[in-house]
Amino acid sequence: FSINAMGWYRQAPGKQRELVAAISRGGSTMYA
């Protein structure tokens, strides 16, 4: 776990699953 970047994804009705936020193993973040 600690060596992987992690993300939150979401899937709304009728839509594809998408990345909404990610965080690197060092704590950097990115957002949709």
PDB file of all heavy atoms in Angstrom:
ATOM      1  N   PHE A   1       0.811  -1.213   0.000  1.00  0.00           N
ATOM      2  CA  PHE A   1       0.000   0.000   0.000  1.00  0.00           C
ATOM      3  C   PHE A   1       0.844   1.262   0.000  1.00  0.00           C
ATOM      4  O   PHE A   1       0.592   2.197  -0.767  1.00  0.00           O
ATOM      5  CB  PHE A   1      -0.948   0.003   1.200  1.00  0.00           C
ATOM      6  CG  PHE A   1      -1.726   1.279   1.359  1.00  0.00           C
ATOM      7  CD1 PHE A   1      -2.898   1.483   0.652  1.00  0.00           C
ATOM      8  CD2 PHE A   1      -1.288   2.281   2.213  1.00  0.00           C
ATOM      9  CE1 PHE A   1      -3.627   2.654   0.791  1.00  0.00           C
ATOM     10  CE2 PHE A   1      -2.002   3.457   2.363  1.00  0.00           C
ATOM     11  CZ  PHE A   1      -3.174   3.642   1.648  1.00  0.00           C
ATOM     12  N   SER A   2       1.837   1.317   0.852  1.00  0.00           N
ATOM     13  CA  SER A   2       2.601   2.541   1.051  1.00  0.00           C
ATOM     14  C   SER A   2       3.452   2.934  -0.143  1.00  0.00           C
ATOM     15  O   SER A   2       3.888   4.086  -0.223  1.00  0.00           O
ATOM     16  CB  SER A   2       3.484   2.422   2.298  1.00  0.00           C
ATOM     17  OG  SER A   2       4.467   1.414   2.133  1.00  0.00           O
ATOM     18  N   ILE A   3       3.693   2.024  -1.070  1.00  0.00           N
ATOM     19  CA  ILE A   3       4.515   2.349  -2.231  1.00  0.00           C
ATOM     20  C   ILE A   3       3.690   2.672  -3.472  1.00  0.00           C
ATOM     21  O   ILE A   3       4.258   3.006  -4.513  1.00  0.00           O
ATOM     22  CB  ILE A   3       5.520   1.230  -2.553  1.00  0.00           C
ATOM     23  CG1 ILE A   3       4.801  -0.033  -3.028  1.00  0.00           C
ATOM     24  CG2 ILE A   3       6.387   0.917  -1.337  1.00  0.00           C
ATOM     25  CD1 ILE A   3       5.738  -1.106  -3.546  1.00  0.00           C
ATOM     26  N   ASN A   4       2.378   2.595  -3.362  1.00  0.00           N
ATOM     27  CA  ASN A   4       1.496   2.863  -4.494  1.00  0.00           C
ATOM     28  C   ASN A   4       0.839   4.236  -4.389  1.00  0.00           C
ATOM     29  O   ASN A   4       0.466   4.668  -3.301  1.00  0.00           O
ATOM     30  CB  ASN A   4       0.392   1.819  -4.579  1.00  0.00           C
ATOM     31  CG  ASN A   4       0.876   0.459  -5.013  1.00  0.00           C
ATOM     32  OD1 ASN A   4       1.783   0.348  -5.832  1.00  0.00           O
ATOM     33  ND2 ASN A   4       0.261  -0.583  -4.483  1.00  0.00           N
ATOM     34  N   ALA A   5       0.676   4.890  -5.524  1.00  0.00           N
ATOM     35  CA  ALA A   5      -0.263   5.995  -5.590  1.00  0.00           C
ATOM     36  C   ALA A   5      -1.679   5.434  -5.452  1.00  0.00           C
ATOM     37  O   ALA A   5      -1.962   4.336  -5.920  1.00  0.00           O
ATOM     38  CB  ALA A   5      -0.113   6.749  -6.906  1.00  0.00           C
ATOM     39  N   MET A   6      -2.561   6.188  -4.805  1.00  0.00           N
ATOM     40  CA  MET A   6      -3.933   5.753  -4.591  1.00  0.00           C
ATOM     41  C   MET A   6      -4.891   6.792  -5.136  1.00  0.00           C
ATOM     42  O   MET A   6      -4.573   7.977  -5.205  1.00  0.00           O
ATOM     43  CB  MET A   6      -4.215   5.528  -3.104  1.00  0.00           C
ATOM     44  CG  MET A   6      -3.397   4.426  -2.464  1.00  0.00           C
ATOM     45  SD  MET A   6      -3.791   2.780  -3.134  1.00  0.00           S
ATOM     46  CE  MET A   6      -5.509   2.603  -2.611  1.00  0.00           C
ATOM     47  N   GLY A   7      -6.068   6.332  -5.523  1.00  0.00           N
ATOM     48  CA  GLY A   7      -7.053   7.236  -6.080  1.00  0.00           C
ATOM     49  C   GLY A   7      -8.457   6.913  -5.624  1.00  0.00           C
ATOM     50  O   GLY A   7      -8.752   5.791  -5.196  1.00  0.00           O
ATOM     51  N   TRP A   8      -9.312   7.922  -5.714  1.00  0.00           N
ATOM     52  CA  TRP A   8     -10.748   7.742  -5.572  1.00  0.00           C
ATOM     53  C   TRP A   8     -11.379   7.867  -6.953  1.00  0.00           C
ATOM     54  O   TRP A   8     -11.054   8.792  -7.712  1.00  0.00           O
ATOM     55  CB  TRP A   8     -11.357   8.769  -4.619  1.00  0.00           C
ATOM     56  CG  TRP A   8     -11.174   8.417  -3.175  1.00  0.00           C
ATOM     57  CD1 TRP A   8     -10.206   8.852  -2.337  1.00  0.00           C
ATOM     58  CD2 TRP A   8     -12.009   7.540  -2.411  1.00  0.00           C
ATOM     59  NE1 TRP A   8     -10.364   8.312  -1.087  1.00  0.00           N
ATOM     60  CE2 TRP A   8     -11.472   7.493  -1.099  1.00  0.00           C
ATOM     61  CE3 TRP A   8     -13.151   6.790  -2.692  1.00  0.00           C
ATOM     62  CZ2 TRP A   8     -12.036   6.728  -0.080  1.00  0.00           C
ATOM     63  CZ3 TRP A   8     -13.712   6.022  -1.679  1.00  0.00           C
ATOM     64  CH2 TRP A   8     -13.151   6.004  -0.393  1.00  0.00           C
ATOM     65  N   TYR A   9     -12.251   6.936  -7.264  1.00  0.00           N
ATOM     66  CA  TYR A   9     -12.955   6.889  -8.528  1.00  0.00           C
ATOM     67  C   TYR A   9     -14.458   6.917  -8.258  1.00  0.00           C
ATOM     68  O   TYR A   9     -14.907   6.595  -7.160  1.00  0.00           O
ATOM     69  CB  TYR A   9     -12.609   5.606  -9.293  1.00  0.00           C
ATOM     70  CG  TYR A   9     -11.133   5.408  -9.531  1.00  0.00           C
ATOM     71  CD1 TYR A   9     -10.294   4.930  -8.533  1.00  0.00           C
ATOM     72  CD2 TYR A   9     -10.567   5.705 -10.774  1.00  0.00           C
ATOM     73  CE1 TYR A   9      -8.934   4.748  -8.748  1.00  0.00           C
ATOM     74  CE2 TYR A   9      -9.214   5.524 -11.002  1.00  0.00           C
ATOM     75  CZ  TYR A   9      -8.403   5.044  -9.992  1.00  0.00           C
ATOM     76  OH  TYR A   9      -7.059   4.867 -10.227  1.00  0.00           O
ATOM     77  N   ARG A  10     -15.231   7.304  -9.254  1.00  0.00           N
ATOM     78  CA  ARG A  10     -16.677   7.251  -9.097  1.00  0.00           C
ATOM     79  C   ARG A  10     -17.327   6.841 -10.404  1.00  0.00           C
ATOM     80  O   ARG A  10     -16.779   7.059 -11.481  1.00  0.00           O
ATOM     81  CB  ARG A  10     -17.245   8.589  -8.614  1.00  0.00           C
ATOM     82  CG  ARG A  10     -17.184   9.728  -9.621  1.00  0.00           C
ATOM     83  CD  ARG A  10     -17.663  11.024  -8.981  1.00  0.00           C
ATOM     84  NE  ARG A  10     -17.642  12.134  -9.915  1.00  0.00           N
ATOM     85  CZ  ARG A  10     -17.864  13.398  -9.581  1.00  0.00           C
ATOM     86  NH1 ARG A  10     -18.142  13.715  -8.311  1.00  0.00           N
ATOM     87  NH2 ARG A  10     -17.827  14.352 -10.506  1.00  0.00           N
ATOM     88  N   GLN A  11     -18.488   6.238 -10.270  1.00  0.00           N
ATOM     89  CA  GLN A  11     -19.274   5.854 -11.428  1.00  0.00           C
ATOM     90  C   GLN A  11     -20.718   6.274 -11.199  1.00  0.00           C
ATOM     91  O   GLN A  11     -21.390   5.756 -10.303  1.00  0.00           O
ATOM     92  CB  GLN A  11     -19.187   4.350 -11.688  1.00  0.00           C
ATOM     93  CG  GLN A  11     -19.863   3.932 -12.983  1.00  0.00           C
ATOM     94  CD  GLN A  11     -19.489   2.526 -13.408  1.00  0.00           C
ATOM     95  OE1 GLN A  11     -19.081   1.706 -12.591  1.00  0.00           O
ATOM     96  NE2 GLN A  11     -19.620   2.246 -14.693  1.00  0.00           N
ATOM     97  N   ALA A  12     -21.171   7.224 -11.994  1.00  0.00           N
ATOM     98  CA  ALA A  12     -22.546   7.686 -11.947  1.00  0.00           C
ATOM     99  C   ALA A  12     -23.387   6.864 -12.913  1.00  0.00           C
ATOM    100  O   ALA A  12     -22.860   6.266 -13.855  1.00  0.00           O
ATOM    101  CB  ALA A  12     -22.616   9.167 -12.310  1.00  0.00           C
ATOM    102  N   PRO A  13     -24.702   6.828 -12.707  1.00  0.00           N
ATOM    103  CA  PRO A  13     -25.567   6.068 -13.612  1.00  0.00           C
ATOM    104  C   PRO A  13     -25.383   6.491 -15.064  1.00  0.00           C
ATOM    105  O   PRO A  13     -25.411   7.678 -15.387  1.00  0.00           O
ATOM    106  CB  PRO A  13     -26.976   6.395 -13.113  1.00  0.00           C
ATOM    107  CG  PRO A  13     -26.789   6.712 -11.665  1.00  0.00           C
ATOM    108  CD  PRO A  13     -25.470   7.429 -11.603  1.00  0.00           C
ATOM    109  N   GLY A  14     -25.167   5.510 -15.934  1.00  0.00           N
ATOM    110  CA  GLY A  14     -25.024   5.777 -17.351  1.00  0.00           C
ATOM    111  C   GLY A  14     -23.684   6.338 -17.770  1.00  0.00           C
ATOM    112  O   GLY A  14     -23.508   6.682 -18.948  1.00  0.00           O
ATOM    113  N   LYS A  15     -22.731   6.428 -16.864  1.00  0.00           N
ATOM    114  CA  LYS A  15     -21.427   6.989 -17.171  1.00  0.00           C
ATOM    115  C   LYS A  15     -20.322   5.992 -16.836  1.00  0.00           C
ATOM    116  O   LYS A  15     -20.507   5.074 -16.043  1.00  0.00           O
ATOM    117  CB  LYS A  15     -21.197   8.290 -16.403  1.00  0.00           C
ATOM    118  CG  LYS A  15     -22.201   9.384 -16.707  1.00  0.00           C
ATOM    119  CD  LYS A  15     -21.878  10.667 -15.974  1.00  0.00           C
ATOM    120  CE  LYS A  15     -20.612  11.308 -16.492  1.00  0.00           C
ATOM    121  NZ  LYS A  15     -20.348  12.617 -15.833  1.00  0.00           N
ATOM    122  N   GLN A  16     -19.169   6.183 -17.455  1.00  0.00           N
ATOM    123  CA  GLN A  16     -18.021   5.341 -17.180  1.00  0.00           C
ATOM    124  C   GLN A  16     -17.371   5.727 -15.859  1.00  0.00           C
ATOM    125  O   GLN A  16     -17.507   6.859 -15.384  1.00  0.00           O
ATOM    126  CB  GLN A  16     -17.001   5.444 -18.314  1.00  0.00           C
ATOM    127  CG  GLN A  16     -17.478   4.894 -19.646  1.00  0.00           C
ATOM    128  CD  GLN A  16     -16.389   4.914 -20.697  1.00  0.00           C
ATOM    129  OE1 GLN A  16     -15.303   5.448 -20.475  1.00  0.00           O
ATOM    130  NE2 GLN A  16     -16.682   4.331 -21.842  1.00  0.00           N
ATOM    131  N   ARG A  17     -16.671   4.776 -15.275  1.00  0.00           N
ATOM    132  CA  ARG A  17     -15.943   5.053 -14.053  1.00  0.00           C
ATOM    133  C   ARG A  17     -14.806   6.027 -14.345  1.00  0.00           C
ATOM    134  O   ARG A  17     -14.089   5.887 -15.337  1.00  0.00           O
ATOM    135  CB  ARG A  17     -15.398   3.749 -13.472  1.00  0.00           C
ATOM    136  CG  ARG A  17     -14.880   3.857 -12.051  1.00  0.00           C
ATOM    137  CD  ARG A  17     -14.634   2.464 -11.462  1.00  0.00           C
ATOM    138  NE  ARG A  17     -15.860   1.677 -11.420  1.00  0.00           N
ATOM    139  CZ  ARG A  17     -15.935   0.432 -10.961  1.00  0.00           C
ATOM    140  NH1 ARG A  17     -14.869  -0.174 -10.494  1.00  0.00           N
ATOM    141  NH2 ARG A  17     -17.100  -0.206 -10.973  1.00  0.00           N
ATOM    142  N   GLU A  18     -14.656   7.031 -13.477  1.00  0.00           N
ATOM    143  CA  GLU A  18     -13.671   8.063 -13.703  1.00  0.00           C
ATOM    144  C   GLU A  18     -12.865   8.343 -12.439  1.00  0.00           C
ATOM    145  O   GLU A  18     -13.355   8.192 -11.324  1.00  0.00           O
ATOM    146  CB  GLU A  18     -14.339   9.365 -14.167  1.00  0.00           C
ATOM    147  CG  GLU A  18     -15.277   9.971 -13.132  1.00  0.00           C
ATOM    148  CD  GLU A  18     -15.852  11.307 -13.546  1.00  0.00           C
ATOM    149  OE1 GLU A  18     -15.379  11.899 -14.531  1.00  0.00           O
ATOM    150  OE2 GLU A  18     -16.804  11.778 -12.868  1.00  0.00           O
ATOM    151  N   LEU A  19     -11.642   8.769 -12.643  1.00  0.00           N
ATOM    152  CA  LEU A  19     -10.799   9.191 -11.543  1.00  0.00           C
ATOM    153  C   LEU A  19     -11.190  10.595 -11.112  1.00  0.00           C
ATOM    154  O   LEU A  19     -11.293  11.496 -11.942  1.00  0.00           O
ATOM    155  CB  LEU A  19      -9.331   9.168 -11.978  1.00  0.00           C
ATOM    156  CG  LEU A  19      -8.307   9.648 -10.951  1.00  0.00           C
ATOM    157  CD1 LEU A  19      -8.185   8.650  -9.801  1.00  0.00           C
ATOM    158  CD2 LEU A  19      -6.949   9.863 -11.618  1.00  0.00           C
ATOM    159  N   VAL A  20     -11.417  10.794  -9.813  1.00  0.00           N
ATOM    160  CA  VAL A  20     -11.755  12.116  -9.306  1.00  0.00           C
ATOM    161  C   VAL A  20     -10.638  12.725  -8.470  1.00  0.00           C
ATOM    162  O   VAL A  20     -10.549  13.954  -8.369  1.00  0.00           O
ATOM    163  CB  VAL A  20     -13.075  12.108  -8.510  1.00  0.00           C
ATOM    164  CG1 VAL A  20     -14.228  11.675  -9.405  1.00  0.00           C
ATOM    165  CG2 VAL A  20     -12.989  11.203  -7.287  1.00  0.00           C
ATOM    166  N   ALA A  21      -9.795  11.909  -7.861  1.00  0.00           N
ATOM    167  CA  ALA A  21      -8.698  12.416  -7.047  1.00  0.00           C
ATOM    168  C   ALA A  21      -7.641  11.345  -6.907  1.00  0.00           C
ATOM    169  O   ALA A  21      -7.955  10.152  -6.863  1.00  0.00           O
ATOM    170  CB  ALA A  21      -9.186  12.846  -5.661  1.00  0.00           C
ATOM    171  N   ALA A  22      -6.390  11.743  -6.833  1.00  0.00           N
ATOM    172  CA  ALA A  22      -5.291  10.804  -6.653  1.00  0.00           C
ATOM    173  C   ALA A  22      -4.253  11.405  -5.732  1.00  0.00           C
ATOM    174  O   ALA A  22      -4.102  12.628  -5.653  1.00  0.00           O
ATOM    175  CB  ALA A  22      -4.654  10.436  -7.998  1.00  0.00           C
ATOM    176  N   ILE A  23      -3.527  10.530  -5.048  1.00  0.00           N
ATOM    177  CA  ILE A  23      -2.473  10.963  -4.149  1.00  0.00           C
ATOM    178  C   ILE A  23      -1.280  10.043  -4.325  1.00  0.00           C
ATOM    179  O   ILE A  23      -1.405   8.823  -4.347  1.00  0.00           O
ATOM    180  CB  ILE A  23      -2.976  10.990  -2.682  1.00  0.00           C
ATOM    181  CG1 ILE A  23      -1.890  11.545  -1.748  1.00  0.00           C
ATOM    182  CG2 ILE A  23      -3.476   9.624  -2.230  1.00  0.00           C
ATOM    183  CD1 ILE A  23      -2.429  11.910  -0.369  1.00  0.00           C
ATOM    184  N   SER A  24      -0.112  10.634  -4.485  1.00  0.00           N
ATOM    185  CA  SER A  24       1.099   9.852  -4.667  1.00  0.00           C
ATOM    186  C   SER A  24       1.546   9.251  -3.349  1.00  0.00           C
ATOM    187  O   SER A  24       1.049   9.600  -2.274  1.00  0.00           O
ATOM    188  CB  SER A  24       2.202  10.735  -5.250  1.00  0.00           C
ATOM    189  OG  SER A  24       2.721  11.612  -4.265  1.00  0.00           O
ATOM    190  N   ARG A  25       2.518   8.351  -3.430  1.00  0.00           N
ATOM    191  CA  ARG A  25       3.025   7.747  -2.203  1.00  0.00           C
ATOM    192  C   ARG A  25       3.686   8.775  -1.304  1.00  0.00           C
ATOM    193  O   ARG A  25       3.776   8.565  -0.095  1.00  0.00           O
ATOM    194  CB  ARG A  25       3.994   6.611  -2.531  1.00  0.00           C
ATOM    195  CG  ARG A  25       5.228   7.036  -3.308  1.00  0.00           C
ATOM    196  CD  ARG A  25       6.081   5.830  -3.652  1.00  0.00           C
ATOM    197  NE  ARG A  25       7.287   6.204  -4.384  1.00  0.00           N
ATOM    198  CZ  ARG A  25       8.194   5.351  -4.809  1.00  0.00           C
ATOM    199  NH1 ARG A  25       8.030   4.041  -4.593  1.00  0.00           N
ATOM    200  NH2 ARG A  25       9.262   5.786  -5.470  1.00  0.00           N
ATOM    201  N   GLY A  26       4.126   9.886  -1.872  1.00  0.00           N
ATOM    202  CA  GLY A  26       4.728  10.955  -1.105  1.00  0.00           C
ATOM    203  C   GLY A  26       3.771  12.040  -0.652  1.00  0.00           C
ATOM    204  O   GLY A  26       4.192  12.964   0.054  1.00  0.00           O
ATOM    205  N   GLY A  27       2.493  11.957  -1.063  1.00  0.00           N
ATOM    206  CA  GLY A  27       1.497  12.898  -0.593  1.00  0.00           C
ATOM    207  C   GLY A  27       1.096  13.993  -1.564  1.00  0.00           C
ATOM    208  O   GLY A  27       0.269  14.842  -1.215  1.00  0.00           O
ATOM    209  N   SER A  28       1.647  14.000  -2.771  1.00  0.00           N
ATOM    210  CA  SER A  28       1.188  14.956  -3.770  1.00  0.00           C
ATOM    211  C   SER A  28      -0.211  14.584  -4.230  1.00  0.00           C
ATOM    212  O   SER A  28      -0.551  13.404  -4.309  1.00  0.00           O
ATOM    213  CB  SER A  28       2.134  14.982  -4.963  1.00  0.00           C
ATOM    214  OG  SER A  28       3.433  15.396  -4.572  1.00  0.00           O
ATOM    215  N   THR A  29      -1.036  15.577  -4.549  1.00  0.00           N
ATOM    216  CA  THR A  29      -2.431  15.333  -4.900  1.00  0.00           C
ATOM    217  C   THR A  29      -2.789  15.936  -6.242  1.00  0.00           C
ATOM    218  O   THR A  29      -2.170  16.903  -6.699  1.00  0.00           O
ATOM    219  CB  THR A  29      -3.375  15.893  -3.828  1.00  0.00           C
ATOM    220  OG1 THR A  29      -3.153  17.305  -3.694  1.00  0.00           O
ATOM    221  CG2 THR A  29      -3.132  15.222  -2.489  1.00  0.00           C
ATOM    222  N   MET A  30      -3.804  15.348  -6.867  1.00  0.00           N
ATOM    223  CA  MET A  30      -4.364  15.866  -8.099  1.00  0.00           C
ATOM    224  C   MET A  30      -5.856  15.599  -8.081  1.00  0.00           C
ATOM    225  O   MET A  30      -6.329  14.661  -7.429  1.00  0.00           O
ATOM    226  CB  MET A  30      -3.714  15.227  -9.332  1.00  0.00           C
ATOM    227  CG  MET A  30      -3.858  13.715  -9.418  1.00  0.00           C
ATOM    228  SD  MET A  30      -3.169  13.017 -10.959  1.00  0.00           S
ATOM    229  CE  MET A  30      -4.418  13.556 -12.133  1.00  0.00           C
ATOM    230  N   TYR A  31      -6.620  16.434  -8.813  1.00  0.00           N
ATOM    231  CA  TYR A  31      -8.075  16.351  -8.795  1.00  0.00           C
ATOM    232  C   TYR A  31      -8.640  16.572 -10.181  1.00  0.00           C
ATOM    233  O   TYR A  31      -8.081  17.323 -10.989  1.00  0.00           O
ATOM    234  CB  TYR A  31      -8.664  17.400  -7.849  1.00  0.00           C
ATOM    235  CG  TYR A  31      -8.202  17.273  -6.426  1.00  0.00           C
ATOM    236  CD1 TYR A  31      -7.078  17.957  -5.977  1.00  0.00           C
ATOM    237  CD2 TYR A  31      -8.878  16.450  -5.534  1.00  0.00           C
ATOM    238  CE1 TYR A  31      -6.639  17.826  -4.673  1.00  0.00           C
ATOM    239  CE2 TYR A  31      -8.447  16.313  -4.230  1.00  0.00           C
ATOM    240  CZ  TYR A  31      -7.323  17.002  -3.809  1.00  0.00           C
ATOM    241  OH  TYR A  31      -6.886  16.870  -2.512  1.00  0.00           O
ATOM    242  N   ALA A  32      -9.774  15.937 -10.435  1.00  0.00           N
ATOM    243  CA  ALA A  32     -10.531  16.254 -11.630  1.00  0.00           C
ATOM    244  C   ALA A  32     -11.074  17.670 -11.513  1.00  0.00           C
ATOM    245  O   ALA A  32     -11.374  18.151 -10.413  1.00  0.00           O
ATOM    246  CB  ALA A  32     -11.678  15.262 -11.812  1.00  0.00           C
TER     247      ALA A  32
END
